[in-house]
Amino acid sequence: MSSTVLAARDRVPNEWDVVFASQLGRLRDRSNTNKDVREALAPVGFAWVTTHVFRKTAATLLDEGGLTVREIADQLGHRRVSITQDTYFGRHQASPRVAAVLDVIGRESAQ
């Protein structure tokens, strides 16, 4: 959603200035939000999607886009990059560079 769309959206006034406040201007409960998301996406076969799936997708896209972990952590609201790394980034395949360096051990053992 672009910032223009968010800026144009009718917003419920609230003390936190959040975009998606409840109808009473309070912070939304996560379980209610997930329920609303499930109900909206169920007719098209995506009832399994939660708000966390959107966060994970955003983190993955930002990572694949070359942003630093610090930038991604800031976007997700994490103070420590370790939270972002541990929660959102799975282990990648072993680096070919690491394999090349460690290959030295194999060559020395064979001699």
PDB file of N, CA and C in Angstrom:
ATOM      1  N   MET A   1       0.852  -1.166   0.000  1.00  0.00           N
ATOM      2  CA  MET A   1       0.000   0.000   0.000  1.00  0.00           C
ATOM      3  C   MET A   1       0.903   1.237   0.000  1.00  0.00           C
ATOM      4  N   SER A   2       0.666   2.126  -0.905  1.00  0.00           N
ATOM      5  CA  SER A   2       1.519   3.310  -0.986  1.00  0.00           C
ATOM      6  C   SER A   2       1.179   4.299   0.123  1.00  0.00           C
ATOM      7  N   SER A   3       2.117   5.184   0.394  1.00  0.00           N
ATOM      8  CA  SER A   3       1.885   6.194   1.428  1.00  0.00           C
ATOM      9  C   SER A   3       0.754   7.134   1.023  1.00  0.00           C
ATOM     10  N   THR A   4       0.550   7.333  -0.272  1.00  0.00           N
ATOM     11  CA  THR A   4      -0.545   8.175  -0.753  1.00  0.00           C
ATOM     12  C   THR A   4      -1.892   7.549  -0.391  1.00  0.00           C
ATOM     13  N   VAL A   5      -1.998   6.242  -0.586  1.00  0.00           N
ATOM     14  CA  VAL A   5      -3.233   5.538  -0.251  1.00  0.00           C
ATOM     15  C   VAL A   5      -3.476   5.605   1.259  1.00  0.00           C
ATOM     16  N   LEU A   6      -2.427   5.401   2.046  1.00  0.00           N
ATOM     17  CA  LEU A   6      -2.581   5.459   3.497  1.00  0.00           C
ATOM     18  C   LEU A   6      -2.964   6.867   3.960  1.00  0.00           C
ATOM     19  N   ALA A   7      -2.359   7.868   3.352  1.00  0.00           N
ATOM     20  CA  ALA A   7      -2.667   9.249   3.737  1.00  0.00           C
ATOM     21  C   ALA A   7      -4.105   9.619   3.398  1.00  0.00           C
ATOM     22  N   ALA A   8      -4.638   9.058   2.318  1.00  0.00           N
ATOM     23  CA  ALA A   8      -5.993   9.380   1.881  1.00  0.00           C
ATOM     24  C   ALA A   8      -7.055   8.590   2.642  1.00  0.00           C
ATOM     25  N   ARG A   9      -6.645   7.565   3.353  1.00  0.00           N
ATOM     26  CA  ARG A   9      -7.596   6.679   4.043  1.00  0.00           C
ATOM     27  C   ARG A   9      -8.310   7.420   5.175  1.00  0.00           C
ATOM     28  N   ASP A  10      -9.623   7.191   5.293  1.00  0.00           N
ATOM     29  CA  ASP A  10     -10.350   7.745   6.437  1.00  0.00           C
ATOM     30  C   ASP A  10      -9.808   7.063   7.687  1.00  0.00           C
ATOM     31  N   ARG A  11      -9.378   7.863   8.633  1.00  0.00           N
ATOM     32  CA  ARG A  11      -8.764   7.296   9.828  1.00  0.00           C
ATOM     33  C   ARG A  11      -9.585   7.636  11.056  1.00  0.00           C
ATOM     34  N   VAL A  12      -9.645   6.680  11.961  1.00  0.00           N
ATOM     35  CA  VAL A  12     -10.283   6.925  13.244  1.00  0.00           C
ATOM     36  C   VAL A  12      -9.261   7.661  14.107  1.00  0.00           C
ATOM     37  N   PRO A  13      -9.590   8.847  14.608  1.00  0.00           N
ATOM     38  CA  PRO A  13      -8.631   9.557  15.453  1.00  0.00           C
ATOM     39  C   PRO A  13      -8.255   8.699  16.668  1.00  0.00           C
ATOM     40  N   ASN A  14      -6.958   8.703  16.981  1.00  0.00           N
ATOM     41  CA  ASN A  14      -6.489   7.933  18.131  1.00  0.00           C
ATOM     42  C   ASN A  14      -5.225   8.563  18.683  1.00  0.00           C
ATOM     43  N   GLU A  15      -4.963   8.308  19.950  1.00  0.00           N
ATOM     44  CA  GLU A  15      -3.832   8.947  20.626  1.00  0.00           C
ATOM     45  C   GLU A  15      -2.474   8.459  20.130  1.00  0.00           C
ATOM     46  N   TRP A  16      -2.421   7.324  19.424  1.00  0.00           N
ATOM     47  CA  TRP A  16      -1.152   6.777  18.940  1.00  0.00           C
ATOM     48  C   TRP A  16      -0.886   7.149  17.496  1.00  0.00           C
ATOM     49  N   ASP A  17      -1.879   7.751  16.831  1.00  0.00           N
ATOM     50  CA  ASP A  17      -1.793   8.127  15.423  1.00  0.00           C
ATOM     51  C   ASP A  17      -1.500   6.915  14.534  1.00  0.00           C
ATOM     52  N   VAL A  18      -2.048   5.750  14.897  1.00  0.00           N
ATOM     53  CA  VAL A  18      -1.895   4.563  14.063  1.00  0.00           C
ATOM     54  C   VAL A  18      -2.931   4.601  12.948  1.00  0.00           C
ATOM     55  N   VAL A  19      -2.626   3.980  11.835  1.00  0.00           N
ATOM     56  CA  VAL A  19      -3.509   4.009  10.665  1.00  0.00           C
ATOM     57  C   VAL A  19      -4.714   3.101  10.863  1.00  0.00           C
ATOM     58  N   PHE A  20      -4.478   1.932  11.420  1.00  0.00           N
ATOM     59  CA  PHE A  20      -5.545   0.946  11.526  1.00  0.00           C
ATOM     60  C   PHE A  20      -5.988   0.763  12.980  1.00  0.00           C
ATOM     61  N   ALA A  21      -6.528   1.787  13.551  1.00  0.00           N
ATOM     62  CA  ALA A  21      -7.064   1.693  14.917  1.00  0.00           C
ATOM     63  C   ALA A  21      -8.413   0.976  14.870  1.00  0.00           C
ATOM     64  N   SER A  22      -8.882   0.569  16.055  1.00  0.00           N
ATOM     65  CA  SER A  22     -10.211  -0.043  16.112  1.00  0.00           C
ATOM     66  C   SER A  22     -11.254   1.040  15.826  1.00  0.00           C
ATOM     67  N   GLN A  23     -12.509   0.636  15.679  1.00  0.00           N
ATOM     68  CA  GLN A  23     -13.572   1.597  15.397  1.00  0.00           C
ATOM     69  C   GLN A  23     -13.752   2.588  16.543  1.00  0.00           C
ATOM     70  N   LEU A  24     -13.286   2.198  17.733  1.00  0.00           N
ATOM     71  CA  LEU A  24     -13.389   3.092  18.887  1.00  0.00           C
ATOM     72  C   LEU A  24     -12.115   3.908  19.103  1.00  0.00           C
ATOM     73  N   GLY A  25     -11.143   3.797  18.182  1.00  0.00           N
ATOM     74  CA  GLY A  25      -9.908   4.569  18.298  1.00  0.00           C
ATOM     75  C   GLY A  25      -8.892   3.944  19.229  1.00  0.00           C
ATOM     76  N   ARG A  26      -9.035   2.667  19.506  1.00  0.00           N
ATOM     77  CA  ARG A  26      -8.083   1.956  20.371  1.00  0.00           C
ATOM     78  C   ARG A  26      -7.154   1.118  19.503  1.00  0.00           C
ATOM     79  N   LEU A  27      -6.090   0.627  20.131  1.00  0.00           N
ATOM     80  CA  LEU A  27      -5.217  -0.290  19.409  1.00  0.00           C
ATOM     81  C   LEU A  27      -5.967  -1.587  19.182  1.00  0.00           C
ATOM     82  N   ARG A  28      -5.798  -2.155  18.001  1.00  0.00           N
ATOM     83  CA  ARG A  28      -6.492  -3.397  17.671  1.00  0.00           C
ATOM     84  C   ARG A  28      -5.830  -4.573  18.373  1.00  0.00           C
ATOM     85  N   ASP A  29      -6.639  -5.521  18.815  1.00  0.00           N
ATOM     86  CA  ASP A  29      -6.136  -6.749  19.404  1.00  0.00           C
ATOM     87  C   ASP A  29      -5.640  -7.648  18.271  1.00  0.00           C
ATOM     88  N   ARG A  30      -4.468  -8.240  18.458  1.00  0.00           N
ATOM     89  CA  ARG A  30      -3.866  -9.052  17.409  1.00  0.00           C
ATOM     90  C   ARG A  30      -4.769 -10.214  16.977  1.00  0.00           C
ATOM     91  N   SER A  31      -5.405 -10.872  17.931  1.00  0.00           N
ATOM     92  CA  SER A  31      -6.248 -12.010  17.566  1.00  0.00           C
ATOM     93  C   SER A  31      -7.454 -11.563  16.743  1.00  0.00           C
ATOM     94  N   ASN A  32      -8.019 -10.395  17.059  1.00  0.00           N
ATOM     95  CA  ASN A  32      -9.138  -9.876  16.260  1.00  0.00           C
ATOM     96  C   ASN A  32      -8.674  -9.510  14.849  1.00  0.00           C
ATOM     97  N   THR A  33      -7.498  -8.928  14.760  1.00  0.00           N
ATOM     98  CA  THR A  33      -6.960  -8.556  13.456  1.00  0.00           C
ATOM     99  C   THR A  33      -6.709  -9.800  12.619  1.00  0.00           C
ATOM    100  N   ASN A  34      -6.097 -10.820  13.227  1.00  0.00           N
ATOM    101  CA  ASN A  34      -5.852 -12.063  12.486  1.00  0.00           C
ATOM    102  C   ASN A  34      -7.160 -12.706  12.040  1.00  0.00           C
ATOM    103  N   LYS A  35      -8.180 -12.633  12.890  1.00  0.00           N
ATOM    104  CA  LYS A  35      -9.492 -13.185  12.528  1.00  0.00           C
ATOM    105  C   LYS A  35     -10.049 -12.438  11.315  1.00  0.00           C
ATOM    106  N   ASP A  36      -9.954 -11.112  11.326  1.00  0.00           N
ATOM    107  CA  ASP A  36     -10.442 -10.312  10.202  1.00  0.00           C
ATOM    108  C   ASP A  36      -9.683 -10.644   8.916  1.00  0.00           C
ATOM    109  N   VAL A  37      -8.369 -10.817   9.036  1.00  0.00           N
ATOM    110  CA  VAL A  37      -7.553 -11.162   7.870  1.00  0.00           C
ATOM    111  C   VAL A  37      -7.969 -12.530   7.335  1.00  0.00           C
ATOM    112  N   ARG A  38      -8.120 -13.517   8.221  1.00  0.00           N
ATOM    113  CA  ARG A  38      -8.552 -14.856   7.801  1.00  0.00           C
ATOM    114  C   ARG A  38      -9.904 -14.811   7.091  1.00  0.00           C
ATOM    115  N   GLU A  39     -10.856 -14.088   7.668  1.00  0.00           N
ATOM    116  CA  GLU A  39     -12.191 -13.996   7.074  1.00  0.00           C
ATOM    117  C   GLU A  39     -12.147 -13.323   5.698  1.00  0.00           C
ATOM    118  N   ALA A  40     -11.281 -12.341   5.549  1.00  0.00           N
ATOM    119  CA  ALA A  40     -11.183 -11.639   4.268  1.00  0.00           C
ATOM    120  C   ALA A  40     -10.514 -12.503   3.198  1.00  0.00           C
ATOM    121  N   LEU A  41      -9.551 -13.327   3.605  1.00  0.00           N
ATOM    122  CA  LEU A  41      -8.786 -14.108   2.636  1.00  0.00           C
ATOM    123  C   LEU A  41      -9.293 -15.530   2.434  1.00  0.00           C
ATOM    124  N   ALA A  42     -10.150 -16.011   3.323  1.00  0.00           N
ATOM    125  CA  ALA A  42     -10.670 -17.382   3.218  1.00  0.00           C
ATOM    126  C   ALA A  42     -11.389 -17.654   1.891  1.00  0.00           C
ATOM    127  N   PRO A  43     -12.218 -16.728   1.400  1.00  0.00           N
ATOM    128  CA  PRO A  43     -12.934 -17.010   0.147  1.00  0.00           C
ATOM    129  C   PRO A  43     -12.019 -17.258  -1.059  1.00  0.00           C
ATOM    130  N   VAL A  44     -10.777 -16.782  -0.990  1.00  0.00           N
ATOM    131  CA  VAL A  44      -9.854 -16.999  -2.104  1.00  0.00           C
ATOM    132  C   VAL A  44      -8.802 -18.056  -1.773  1.00  0.00           C
ATOM    133  N   GLY A  45      -9.042 -18.829  -0.686  1.00  0.00           N
ATOM    134  CA  GLY A  45      -8.175 -19.956  -0.361  1.00  0.00           C
ATOM    135  C   GLY A  45      -6.956 -19.636   0.474  1.00  0.00           C
ATOM    136  N   PHE A  46      -6.946 -18.497   1.139  1.00  0.00           N
ATOM    137  CA  PHE A  46      -5.786 -18.110   1.939  1.00  0.00           C
ATOM    138  C   PHE A  46      -6.142 -17.910   3.411  1.00  0.00           C
ATOM    139  N   ALA A  47      -6.988 -18.759   3.950  1.00  0.00           N
ATOM    140  CA  ALA A  47      -7.402 -18.617   5.351  1.00  0.00           C
ATOM    141  C   ALA A  47      -6.233 -18.834   6.317  1.00  0.00           C
ATOM    142  N   TRP A  48      -5.163 -19.445   5.855  1.00  0.00           N
ATOM    143  CA  TRP A  48      -3.989 -19.715   6.699  1.00  0.00           C
ATOM    144  C   TRP A  48      -3.122 -18.475   6.926  1.00  0.00           C
ATOM    145  N   VAL A  49      -3.357 -17.404   6.161  1.00  0.00           N
ATOM    146  CA  VAL A  49      -2.521 -16.204   6.256  1.00  0.00           C
ATOM    147  C   VAL A  49      -2.827 -15.440   7.535  1.00  0.00           C
ATOM    148  N   THR A  50      -1.766 -15.032   8.223  1.00  0.00           N
ATOM    149  CA  THR A  50      -1.884 -14.180   9.412  1.00  0.00           C
ATOM    150  C   THR A  50      -1.122 -12.886   9.159  1.00  0.00           C
ATOM    151  N   THR A  51      -1.235 -11.948  10.061  1.00  0.00           N
ATOM    152  CA  THR A  51      -0.497 -10.701   9.919  1.00  0.00           C
ATOM    153  C   THR A  51       1.009 -10.967   9.964  1.00  0.00           C
ATOM    154  N   HIS A  52       1.416 -12.003  10.681  1.00  0.00           N
ATOM    155  CA  HIS A  52       2.839 -12.327  10.750  1.00  0.00           C
ATOM    156  C   HIS A  52       3.370 -12.747   9.373  1.00  0.00           C
ATOM    157  N   VAL A  53       2.535 -13.383   8.578  1.00  0.00           N
ATOM    158  CA  VAL A  53       2.936 -13.764   7.222  1.00  0.00           C
ATOM    159  C   VAL A  53       3.290 -12.512   6.425  1.00  0.00           C
ATOM    160  N   PHE A  54       2.526 -11.443   6.594  1.00  0.00           N
ATOM    161  CA  PHE A  54       2.825 -10.196   5.896  1.00  0.00           C
ATOM    162  C   PHE A  54       4.153  -9.613   6.360  1.00  0.00           C
ATOM    163  N   ARG A  55       4.414  -9.670   7.673  1.00  0.00           N
ATOM    164  CA  ARG A  55       5.695  -9.170   8.208  1.00  0.00           C
ATOM    165  C   ARG A  55       6.857  -9.992   7.666  1.00  0.00           C
ATOM    166  N   LYS A  56       6.692 -11.311   7.660  1.00  0.00           N
ATOM    167  CA  LYS A  56       7.737 -12.207   7.156  1.00  0.00           C
ATOM    168  C   LYS A  56       7.989 -11.931   5.671  1.00  0.00           C
ATOM    169  N   THR A  57       6.921 -11.740   4.911  1.00  0.00           N
ATOM    170  CA  THR A  57       7.058 -11.442   3.487  1.00  0.00           C
ATOM    171  C   THR A  57       7.789 -10.121   3.283  1.00  0.00           C
ATOM    172  N   ALA A  58       7.415  -9.105   4.046  1.00  0.00           N
ATOM    173  CA  ALA A  58       8.087  -7.806   3.932  1.00  0.00           C
ATOM    174  C   ALA A  58       9.575  -7.949   4.264  1.00  0.00           C
ATOM    175  N   ALA A  59       9.895  -8.656   5.342  1.00  0.00           N
ATOM    176  CA  ALA A  59      11.292  -8.847   5.728  1.00  0.00           C
ATOM    177  C   ALA A  59      12.065  -9.573   4.632  1.00  0.00           C
ATOM    178  N   THR A  60      11.459 -10.590   4.049  1.00  0.00           N
ATOM    179  CA  THR A  60      12.118 -11.354   2.983  1.00  0.00           C
ATOM    180  C   THR A  60      12.360 -10.480   1.761  1.00  0.00           C
ATOM    181  N   LEU A  61      11.344  -9.698   1.359  1.00  0.00           N
ATOM    182  CA  LEU A  61      11.498  -8.821   0.193  1.00  0.00           C
ATOM    183  C   LEU A  61      12.579  -7.765   0.431  1.00  0.00           C
ATOM    184  N   LEU A  62      12.618  -7.213   1.628  1.00  0.00           N
ATOM    185  CA  LEU A  62      13.639  -6.210   1.945  1.00  0.00           C
ATOM    186  C   LEU A  62      15.032  -6.836   1.938  1.00  0.00           C
ATOM    187  N   ASP A  63      15.138  -8.053   2.470  1.00  0.00           N
ATOM    188  CA  ASP A  63      16.417  -8.765   2.479  1.00  0.00           C
ATOM    189  C   ASP A  63      16.867  -9.054   1.051  1.00  0.00           C
ATOM    190  N   GLU A  64      15.966  -9.580   0.243  1.00  0.00           N
ATOM    191  CA  GLU A  64      16.301  -9.889  -1.150  1.00  0.00           C
ATOM    192  C   GLU A  64      16.575  -8.623  -1.962  1.00  0.00           C
ATOM    193  N   GLY A  65      16.037  -7.493  -1.502  1.00  0.00           N
ATOM    194  CA  GLY A  65      16.279  -6.212  -2.158  1.00  0.00           C
ATOM    195  C   GLY A  65      17.606  -5.583  -1.789  1.00  0.00           C
ATOM    196  N   GLY A  66      18.358  -6.243  -0.905  1.00  0.00           N
ATOM    197  CA  GLY A  66      19.697  -5.771  -0.572  1.00  0.00           C
ATOM    198  C   GLY A  66      19.777  -4.815   0.603  1.00  0.00           C
ATOM    199  N   LEU A  67      18.684  -4.616   1.332  1.00  0.00           N
ATOM    200  CA  LEU A  67      18.761  -3.744   2.494  1.00  0.00           C
ATOM    201  C   LEU A  67      19.566  -4.412   3.597  1.00  0.00           C
ATOM    202  N   THR A  68      20.162  -3.608   4.440  1.00  0.00           N
ATOM    203  CA  THR A  68      20.921  -4.160   5.555  1.00  0.00           C
ATOM    204  C   THR A  68      19.955  -4.682   6.612  1.00  0.00           C
ATOM    205  N   VAL A  69      20.450  -5.564   7.457  1.00  0.00           N
ATOM    206  CA  VAL A  69      19.608  -6.085   8.538  1.00  0.00           C
ATOM    207  C   VAL A  69      19.178  -4.952   9.455  1.00  0.00           C
ATOM    208  N   ARG A  70      20.023  -3.949   9.653  1.00  0.00           N
ATOM    209  CA  ARG A  70      19.667  -2.789  10.487  1.00  0.00           C
ATOM    210  C   ARG A  70      18.483  -2.050   9.894  1.00  0.00           C
ATOM    211  N   GLU A  71      18.488  -1.841   8.583  1.00  0.00           N
ATOM    212  CA  GLU A  71      17.379  -1.153   7.928  1.00  0.00           C
ATOM    213  C   GLU A  71      16.088  -1.959   8.062  1.00  0.00           C
ATOM    214  N   ILE A  72      16.198  -3.272   7.896  1.00  0.00           N
ATOM    215  CA  ILE A  72      15.023  -4.134   8.003  1.00  0.00           C
ATOM    216  C   ILE A  72      14.519  -4.150   9.437  1.00  0.00           C
ATOM    217  N   ALA A  73      15.417  -4.234  10.395  1.00  0.00           N
ATOM    218  CA  ALA A  73      15.032  -4.215  11.809  1.00  0.00           C
ATOM    219  C   ALA A  73      14.311  -2.908  12.150  1.00  0.00           C
ATOM    220  N   ASP A  74      14.821  -1.803  11.630  1.00  0.00           N
ATOM    221  CA  ASP A  74      14.169  -0.511  11.878  1.00  0.00           C
ATOM    222  C   ASP A  74      12.756  -0.498  11.305  1.00  0.00           C
ATOM    223  N   GLN A  75      12.586  -1.033  10.095  1.00  0.00           N
ATOM    224  CA  GLN A  75      11.260  -1.077   9.471  1.00  0.00           C
ATOM    225  C   GLN A  75      10.300  -1.929  10.291  1.00  0.00           C
ATOM    226  N   LEU A  76      10.794  -3.041  10.823  1.00  0.00           N
ATOM    227  CA  LEU A  76       9.947  -3.951  11.594  1.00  0.00           C
ATOM    228  C   LEU A  76       9.785  -3.509  13.053  1.00  0.00           C
ATOM    229  N   GLY A  77      10.526  -2.494  13.451  1.00  0.00           N
ATOM    230  CA  GLY A  77      10.410  -1.983  14.815  1.00  0.00           C
ATOM    231  C   GLY A  77      11.222  -2.748  15.842  1.00  0.00           C
ATOM    232  N   HIS A  78      12.287  -3.418  15.385  1.00  0.00           N
ATOM    233  CA  HIS A  78      13.138  -4.163  16.310  1.00  0.00           C
ATOM    234  C   HIS A  78      14.326  -3.309  16.745  1.00  0.00           C
ATOM    235  N   ARG A  79      14.563  -3.259  18.027  1.00  0.00           N
ATOM    236  CA  ARG A  79      15.696  -2.513  18.544  1.00  0.00           C
ATOM    237  C   ARG A  79      17.008  -3.239  18.248  1.00  0.00           C
ATOM    238  N   ARG A  80      16.964  -4.576  18.330  1.00  0.00           N
ATOM    239  CA  ARG A  80      18.172  -5.376  18.120  1.00  0.00           C
ATOM    240  C   ARG A  80      18.057  -6.157  16.807  1.00  0.00           C
ATOM    241  N   VAL A  81      19.099  -6.075  15.987  1.00  0.00           N
ATOM    242  CA  VAL A  81      19.081  -6.792  14.712  1.00  0.00           C
ATOM    243  C   VAL A  81      19.038  -8.303  14.930  1.00  0.00           C
ATOM    244  N   SER A  82      19.505  -8.762  16.078  1.00  0.00           N
ATOM    245  CA  SER A  82      19.478 -10.207  16.346  1.00  0.00           C
ATOM    246  C   SER A  82      18.045 -10.732  16.383  1.00  0.00           C
ATOM    247  N   ILE A  83      17.107  -9.918  16.852  1.00  0.00           N
ATOM    248  CA  ILE A  83      15.692 -10.323  16.847  1.00  0.00           C
ATOM    249  C   ILE A  83      15.234 -10.522  15.407  1.00  0.00           C
ATOM    250  N   THR A  84      15.582  -9.581  14.539  1.00  0.00           N
ATOM    251  CA  THR A  84      15.198  -9.672  13.129  1.00  0.00           C
ATOM    252  C   THR A  84      15.807 -10.906  12.489  1.00  0.00           C
ATOM    253  N   GLN A  85      17.080 -11.107  12.711  1.00  0.00           N
ATOM    254  CA  GLN A  85      17.761 -12.259  12.109  1.00  0.00           C
ATOM    255  C   GLN A  85      17.185 -13.572  12.616  1.00  0.00           C
ATOM    256  N   ASP A  86      16.999 -13.689  13.928  1.00  0.00           N
ATOM    257  CA  ASP A  86      16.521 -14.945  14.504  1.00  0.00           C
ATOM    258  C   ASP A  86      15.075 -15.243  14.140  1.00  0.00           C
ATOM    259  N   THR A  87      14.252 -14.213  14.034  1.00  0.00           N
ATOM    260  CA  THR A  87      12.825 -14.403  13.804  1.00  0.00           C
ATOM    261  C   THR A  87      12.463 -14.499  12.323  1.00  0.00           C
ATOM    262  N   TYR A  88      13.129 -13.723  11.486  1.00  0.00           N
ATOM    263  CA  TYR A  88      12.683 -13.598  10.105  1.00  0.00           C
ATOM    264  C   TYR A  88      13.601 -14.194   9.047  1.00  0.00           C
ATOM    265  N   PHE A  89      14.843 -14.427   9.390  1.00  0.00           N
ATOM    266  CA  PHE A  89      15.755 -14.932   8.370  1.00  0.00           C
ATOM    267  C   PHE A  89      16.193 -16.341   8.707  1.00  0.00           C
ATOM    268  N   GLY A  90      15.800 -17.269   7.850  1.00  0.00           N
ATOM    269  CA  GLY A  90      16.227 -18.645   8.023  1.00  0.00           C
ATOM    270  C   GLY A  90      17.685 -18.776   7.631  1.00  0.00           C
ATOM    271  N   ARG A  91      18.214 -19.915   7.901  1.00  0.00           N
ATOM    272  CA  ARG A  91      19.592 -20.169   7.505  1.00  0.00           C
ATOM    273  C   ARG A  91      19.642 -20.319   5.997  1.00  0.00           C
ATOM    274  N   HIS A  92      20.605 -19.656   5.412  1.00  0.00           N
ATOM    275  CA  HIS A  92      20.781 -19.756   3.964  1.00  0.00           C
ATOM    276  C   HIS A  92      21.674 -20.948   3.651  1.00  0.00           C
ATOM    277  N   GLN A  93      21.751 -21.286   2.391  1.00  0.00           N
ATOM    278  CA  GLN A  93      22.645 -22.357   1.997  1.00  0.00           C
ATOM    279  C   GLN A  93      24.082 -21.933   2.278  1.00  0.00           C
ATOM    280  N   ALA A  94      24.935 -22.924   2.479  1.00  0.00           N
ATOM    281  CA  ALA A  94      26.340 -22.639   2.765  1.00  0.00           C
ATOM    282  C   ALA A  94      26.946 -21.815   1.634  1.00  0.00           C
ATOM    283  N   SER A  95      27.756 -20.882   2.004  1.00  0.00           N
ATOM    284  CA  SER A  95      28.392 -20.002   1.035  1.00  0.00           C
ATOM    285  C   SER A  95      29.489 -20.743   0.271  1.00  0.00           C
ATOM    286  N   PRO A  96      29.528 -20.574  -1.043  1.00  0.00           N
ATOM    287  CA  PRO A  96      30.625 -21.170  -1.811  1.00  0.00           C
ATOM    288  C   PRO A  96      31.989 -20.646  -1.362  1.00  0.00           C
ATOM    289  N   ARG A  97      32.031 -19.420  -0.881  1.00  0.00           N
ATOM    290  CA  ARG A  97      33.291 -18.841  -0.389  1.00  0.00           C
ATOM    291  C   ARG A  97      33.772 -19.588   0.839  1.00  0.00           C
ATOM    292  N   VAL A  98      32.827 -19.928   1.737  1.00  0.00           N
ATOM    293  CA  VAL A  98      33.190 -20.689   2.934  1.00  0.00           C
ATOM    294  C   VAL A  98      33.711 -22.062   2.529  1.00  0.00           C
ATOM    295  N   ALA A  99      33.018 -22.704   1.595  1.00  0.00           N
ATOM    296  CA  ALA A  99      33.437 -24.027   1.132  1.00  0.00           C
ATOM    297  C   ALA A  99      34.833 -23.976   0.530  1.00  0.00           C
ATOM    298  N   ALA A 100      35.136 -22.942  -0.232  1.00  0.00           N
ATOM    299  CA  ALA A 100      36.457 -22.820  -0.846  1.00  0.00           C
ATOM    300  C   ALA A 100      37.542 -22.672   0.206  1.00  0.00           C
ATOM    301  N   VAL A 101      37.280 -21.873   1.219  1.00  0.00           N
ATOM    302  CA  VAL A 101      38.268 -21.681   2.282  1.00  0.00           C
ATOM    303  C   VAL A 101      38.464 -22.970   3.065  1.00  0.00           C
ATOM    304  N   LEU A 102      37.375 -23.644   3.405  1.00  0.00           N
ATOM    305  CA  LEU A 102      37.475 -24.879   4.192  1.00  0.00           C
ATOM    306  C   LEU A 102      38.004 -26.042   3.370  1.00  0.00           C
ATOM    307  N   ASP A 103      37.996 -25.922   2.067  1.00  0.00           N
ATOM    308  CA  ASP A 103      38.537 -26.970   1.213  1.00  0.00           C
ATOM    309  C   ASP A 103      40.020 -27.182   1.484  1.00  0.00           C
ATOM    310  N   VAL A 104      40.687 -26.162   1.997  1.00  0.00           N
ATOM    311  CA  VAL A 104      42.094 -26.275   2.356  1.00  0.00           C
ATOM    312  C   VAL A 104      42.294 -27.428   3.338  1.00  0.00           C
ATOM    313  N   ILE A 105      41.374 -27.595   4.275  1.00  0.00           N
ATOM    314  CA  ILE A 105      41.485 -28.668   5.266  1.00  0.00           C
ATOM    315  C   ILE A 105      41.449 -30.026   4.567  1.00  0.00           C
ATOM    316  N   GLY A 106      40.528 -30.173   3.628  1.00  0.00           N
ATOM    317  CA  GLY A 106      40.418 -31.425   2.890  1.00  0.00           C
ATOM    318  C   GLY A 106      41.665 -31.738   2.090  1.00  0.00           C
ATOM    319  N   ARG A 107      42.264 -30.723   1.475  1.00  0.00           N
ATOM    320  CA  ARG A 107      43.459 -30.929   0.656  1.00  0.00           C
ATOM    321  C   ARG A 107      44.637 -31.302   1.536  1.00  0.00           C
ATOM    322  N   GLU A 108      44.760 -30.663   2.696  1.00  0.00           N
ATOM    323  CA  GLU A 108      45.893 -30.973   3.585  1.00  0.00           C
ATOM    324  C   GLU A 108      45.736 -32.363   4.186  1.00  0.00           C
ATOM    325  N   SER A 109      44.512 -32.811   4.470  1.00  0.00           N
ATOM    326  CA  SER A 109      44.284 -34.145   5.032  1.00  0.00           C
ATOM    327  C   SER A 109      44.629 -35.218   4.034  1.00  0.00           C
ATOM    328  N   ALA A 110      44.423 -34.951   2.732  1.00  0.00           N
ATOM    329  CA  ALA A 110      44.668 -35.962   1.696  1.00  0.00           C
ATOM    330  C   ALA A 110      46.151 -36.137   1.425  1.00  0.00           C
ATOM    331  N   GLN A 111      46.952 -35.190   1.838  1.00  0.00           N
ATOM    332  CA  GLN A 111      48.399 -35.287   1.549  1.00  0.00           C
ATOM    333  C   GLN A 111      49.128 -36.165   2.534  1.00  0.00           C
TER     334      GLN A 111
END
